[in-house]
Amino acid sequence: VPGVPRAVSAKAGNKKVTVSWKAPASNGGSPVTAYTVKATPGGRTCSTKGATSCVVTGLKAGTRYRFTVT
């Protein structure tokens, strides 16, 4: 099992946010090939095929969100 993504940051845009992170310190013995970011509330997501950033769209202005990278 890989470690958790590190140094997660977010940059707000107009009804979207760009979430960036660093790869886990340990990959658990296999390359990490994909990541998913989930916004709470609302459940909006974005996925990558190994990239360490993605854009979550469809967010509501004025709403406070928490982003989880897996």
N, C-alpha and C. Protein backbone atom coordinates (compact mmCIF):
# COMPACT_ATOMS: atom_id res chain seq x y z
N VAL A 1 0.86 -1.18 0.00
CA VAL A 1 0.00 0.00 0.00
C VAL A 1 0.90 1.24 0.00
N PRO A 2 0.66 2.17 -0.90
CA PRO A 2 1.48 3.39 -0.93
C PRO A 2 1.16 4.29 0.26
N GLY A 3 2.10 5.19 0.56
CA GLY A 3 1.85 6.20 1.58
C GLY A 3 0.86 7.22 1.06
N VAL A 4 0.62 8.24 1.86
CA VAL A 4 -0.33 9.29 1.47
C VAL A 4 0.37 10.36 0.66
N PRO A 5 -0.36 11.01 -0.26
CA PRO A 5 0.22 12.15 -0.99
C PRO A 5 0.64 13.23 0.01
N ARG A 6 1.72 13.96 -0.32
CA ARG A 6 2.27 14.97 0.58
C ARG A 6 2.10 16.37 0.00
N ALA A 7 2.23 17.35 0.88
CA ALA A 7 2.24 18.77 0.49
C ALA A 7 1.06 19.13 -0.41
N VAL A 8 -0.13 18.75 -0.01
CA VAL A 8 -1.34 19.05 -0.80
C VAL A 8 -1.65 20.54 -0.68
N SER A 9 -1.92 21.18 -1.82
CA SER A 9 -2.29 22.59 -1.82
C SER A 9 -3.41 22.80 -2.84
N ALA A 10 -4.11 23.91 -2.68
CA ALA A 10 -5.21 24.22 -3.58
C ALA A 10 -5.17 25.69 -3.97
N LYS A 11 -5.48 25.95 -5.24
CA LYS A 11 -5.55 27.32 -5.74
C LYS A 11 -6.94 27.54 -6.33
N ALA A 12 -7.68 28.45 -5.72
CA ALA A 12 -9.06 28.71 -6.13
C ALA A 12 -9.14 29.44 -7.45
N GLY A 13 -10.17 29.11 -8.21
CA GLY A 13 -10.49 29.79 -9.46
C GLY A 13 -11.97 30.12 -9.44
N ASN A 14 -12.54 30.42 -10.59
CA ASN A 14 -13.96 30.72 -10.71
C ASN A 14 -14.76 29.43 -10.78
N LYS A 15 -15.34 29.00 -9.65
CA LYS A 15 -16.13 27.78 -9.52
C LYS A 15 -15.30 26.52 -9.80
N LYS A 16 -14.00 26.64 -9.56
CA LYS A 16 -13.11 25.49 -9.72
C LYS A 16 -11.90 25.69 -8.80
N VAL A 17 -11.15 24.64 -8.61
CA VAL A 17 -9.92 24.72 -7.83
C VAL A 17 -8.89 23.77 -8.44
N THR A 18 -7.65 24.20 -8.47
CA THR A 18 -6.56 23.34 -8.90
C THR A 18 -5.89 22.80 -7.65
N VAL A 19 -5.90 21.49 -7.50
CA VAL A 19 -5.30 20.82 -6.35
C VAL A 19 -3.98 20.20 -6.82
N SER A 20 -2.91 20.46 -6.06
CA SER A 20 -1.59 19.92 -6.38
C SER A 20 -1.04 19.19 -5.17
N TRP A 21 -0.13 18.25 -5.41
CA TRP A 21 0.46 17.47 -4.32
C TRP A 21 1.77 16.86 -4.79
N LYS A 22 2.49 16.29 -3.83
CA LYS A 22 3.70 15.53 -4.14
C LYS A 22 3.39 14.06 -3.94
N ALA A 23 4.07 13.22 -4.70
CA ALA A 23 3.87 11.78 -4.59
C ALA A 23 4.22 11.31 -3.17
N PRO A 24 3.63 10.19 -2.73
CA PRO A 24 3.94 9.66 -1.40
C PRO A 24 5.43 9.35 -1.27
N ALA A 25 5.95 9.44 -0.05
CA ALA A 25 7.35 9.10 0.20
C ALA A 25 7.62 7.64 -0.12
N SER A 26 6.63 6.79 0.11
CA SER A 26 6.75 5.36 -0.18
C SER A 26 5.65 4.95 -1.14
N ASN A 27 6.04 4.25 -2.20
CA ASN A 27 5.01 3.80 -3.15
C ASN A 27 4.52 2.39 -2.83
N GLY A 28 5.00 1.80 -1.75
CA GLY A 28 4.54 0.48 -1.34
C GLY A 28 5.07 -0.64 -2.22
N GLY A 29 6.07 -0.35 -3.05
CA GLY A 29 6.66 -1.38 -3.89
C GLY A 29 6.15 -1.41 -5.32
N SER A 30 5.18 -0.56 -5.64
CA SER A 30 4.66 -0.47 -7.01
C SER A 30 4.46 0.99 -7.37
N PRO A 31 4.67 1.35 -8.62
CA PRO A 31 4.45 2.74 -9.02
C PRO A 31 3.00 3.17 -8.79
N VAL A 32 2.82 4.42 -8.36
CA VAL A 32 1.48 4.99 -8.26
C VAL A 32 1.08 5.43 -9.66
N THR A 33 -0.02 4.90 -10.17
CA THR A 33 -0.41 5.16 -11.56
C THR A 33 -1.60 6.10 -11.70
N ALA A 34 -2.30 6.41 -10.61
CA ALA A 34 -3.47 7.28 -10.70
C ALA A 34 -3.76 7.90 -9.34
N TYR A 35 -4.37 9.07 -9.39
CA TYR A 35 -4.83 9.76 -8.18
C TYR A 35 -6.25 10.23 -8.43
N THR A 36 -7.02 10.38 -7.34
CA THR A 36 -8.35 10.97 -7.40
C THR A 36 -8.45 12.03 -6.32
N VAL A 37 -9.03 13.18 -6.68
CA VAL A 37 -9.28 14.25 -5.72
C VAL A 37 -10.80 14.34 -5.55
N LYS A 38 -11.23 14.41 -4.29
CA LYS A 38 -12.67 14.51 -4.01
C LYS A 38 -12.93 15.75 -3.17
N ALA A 39 -13.96 16.52 -3.56
CA ALA A 39 -14.38 17.71 -2.83
C ALA A 39 -15.52 17.37 -1.89
N THR A 40 -15.45 17.88 -0.67
CA THR A 40 -16.52 17.72 0.30
C THR A 40 -16.88 19.11 0.80
N PRO A 41 -18.15 19.52 0.76
CA PRO A 41 -19.32 18.77 0.35
C PRO A 41 -19.47 18.72 -1.17
N GLY A 42 -20.40 17.94 -1.61
CA GLY A 42 -20.75 17.88 -3.02
C GLY A 42 -20.24 16.67 -3.77
N GLY A 43 -19.09 16.15 -3.38
CA GLY A 43 -18.59 14.93 -4.00
C GLY A 43 -18.01 15.11 -5.39
N ARG A 44 -17.75 16.35 -5.83
CA ARG A 44 -17.13 16.56 -7.14
C ARG A 44 -15.74 15.95 -7.12
N THR A 45 -15.31 15.36 -8.24
CA THR A 45 -14.01 14.72 -8.30
C THR A 45 -13.26 15.08 -9.58
N CYS A 46 -11.96 14.81 -9.55
CA CYS A 46 -11.14 14.80 -10.75
C CYS A 46 -10.13 13.68 -10.56
N SER A 47 -9.68 13.11 -11.65
CA SER A 47 -8.73 12.00 -11.59
C SER A 47 -7.58 12.24 -12.55
N THR A 48 -6.43 11.66 -12.22
CA THR A 48 -5.26 11.76 -13.08
C THR A 48 -4.71 10.36 -13.33
N LYS A 49 -3.88 10.24 -14.31
CA LYS A 49 -3.17 8.98 -14.57
C LYS A 49 -1.71 9.19 -14.23
N GLY A 50 -1.44 9.53 -12.96
CA GLY A 50 -0.08 9.71 -12.47
C GLY A 50 0.36 11.14 -12.30
N ALA A 51 -0.34 12.11 -12.91
CA ALA A 51 0.00 13.51 -12.72
C ALA A 51 -0.24 13.91 -11.26
N THR A 52 0.44 14.95 -10.80
CA THR A 52 0.31 15.35 -9.40
C THR A 52 -0.45 16.67 -9.25
N SER A 53 -1.41 16.90 -10.12
CA SER A 53 -2.36 18.00 -9.96
C SER A 53 -3.57 17.73 -10.85
N CYS A 54 -4.68 18.30 -10.49
CA CYS A 54 -5.87 18.24 -11.33
C CYS A 54 -6.82 19.34 -10.92
N VAL A 55 -7.81 19.59 -11.77
CA VAL A 55 -8.76 20.68 -11.57
C VAL A 55 -10.13 20.10 -11.25
N VAL A 56 -10.67 20.49 -10.10
CA VAL A 56 -12.03 20.10 -9.71
C VAL A 56 -12.94 21.23 -10.16
N THR A 57 -13.91 20.92 -11.01
CA THR A 57 -14.82 21.93 -11.55
C THR A 57 -16.23 21.74 -10.98
N GLY A 58 -17.10 22.70 -11.28
CA GLY A 58 -18.50 22.60 -10.86
C GLY A 58 -18.72 22.95 -9.41
N LEU A 59 -17.81 23.73 -8.83
CA LEU A 59 -17.95 24.12 -7.42
C LEU A 59 -18.83 25.36 -7.31
N LYS A 60 -19.39 25.57 -6.11
CA LYS A 60 -20.26 26.72 -5.88
C LYS A 60 -19.46 27.84 -5.22
N ALA A 61 -19.59 29.03 -5.77
CA ALA A 61 -18.91 30.19 -5.20
C ALA A 61 -19.41 30.42 -3.77
N GLY A 62 -18.50 30.80 -2.89
CA GLY A 62 -18.86 31.10 -1.50
C GLY A 62 -18.97 29.88 -0.60
N THR A 63 -18.79 28.69 -1.13
CA THR A 63 -18.86 27.46 -0.34
C THR A 63 -17.45 27.06 0.08
N ARG A 64 -17.29 26.64 1.32
CA ARG A 64 -16.01 26.18 1.82
C ARG A 64 -15.90 24.68 1.55
N TYR A 65 -14.81 24.25 0.92
CA TYR A 65 -14.62 22.85 0.55
C TYR A 65 -13.38 22.27 1.23
N ARG A 66 -13.41 20.97 1.39
CA ARG A 66 -12.23 20.19 1.81
C ARG A 66 -11.93 19.23 0.67
N PHE A 67 -10.64 19.07 0.35
CA PHE A 67 -10.23 18.22 -0.76
C PHE A 67 -9.38 17.08 -0.22
N THR A 68 -9.68 15.87 -0.69
CA THR A 68 -8.96 14.67 -0.29
C THR A 68 -8.32 14.05 -1.52
N VAL A 69 -7.02 13.76 -1.42
CA VAL A 69 -6.29 13.13 -2.53
C VAL A 69 -6.02 11.68 -2.16
N THR A 70 -6.43 10.76 -3.03
CA THR A 70 -6.15 9.32 -2.81
C THR A 70 -5.54 8.72 -4.05
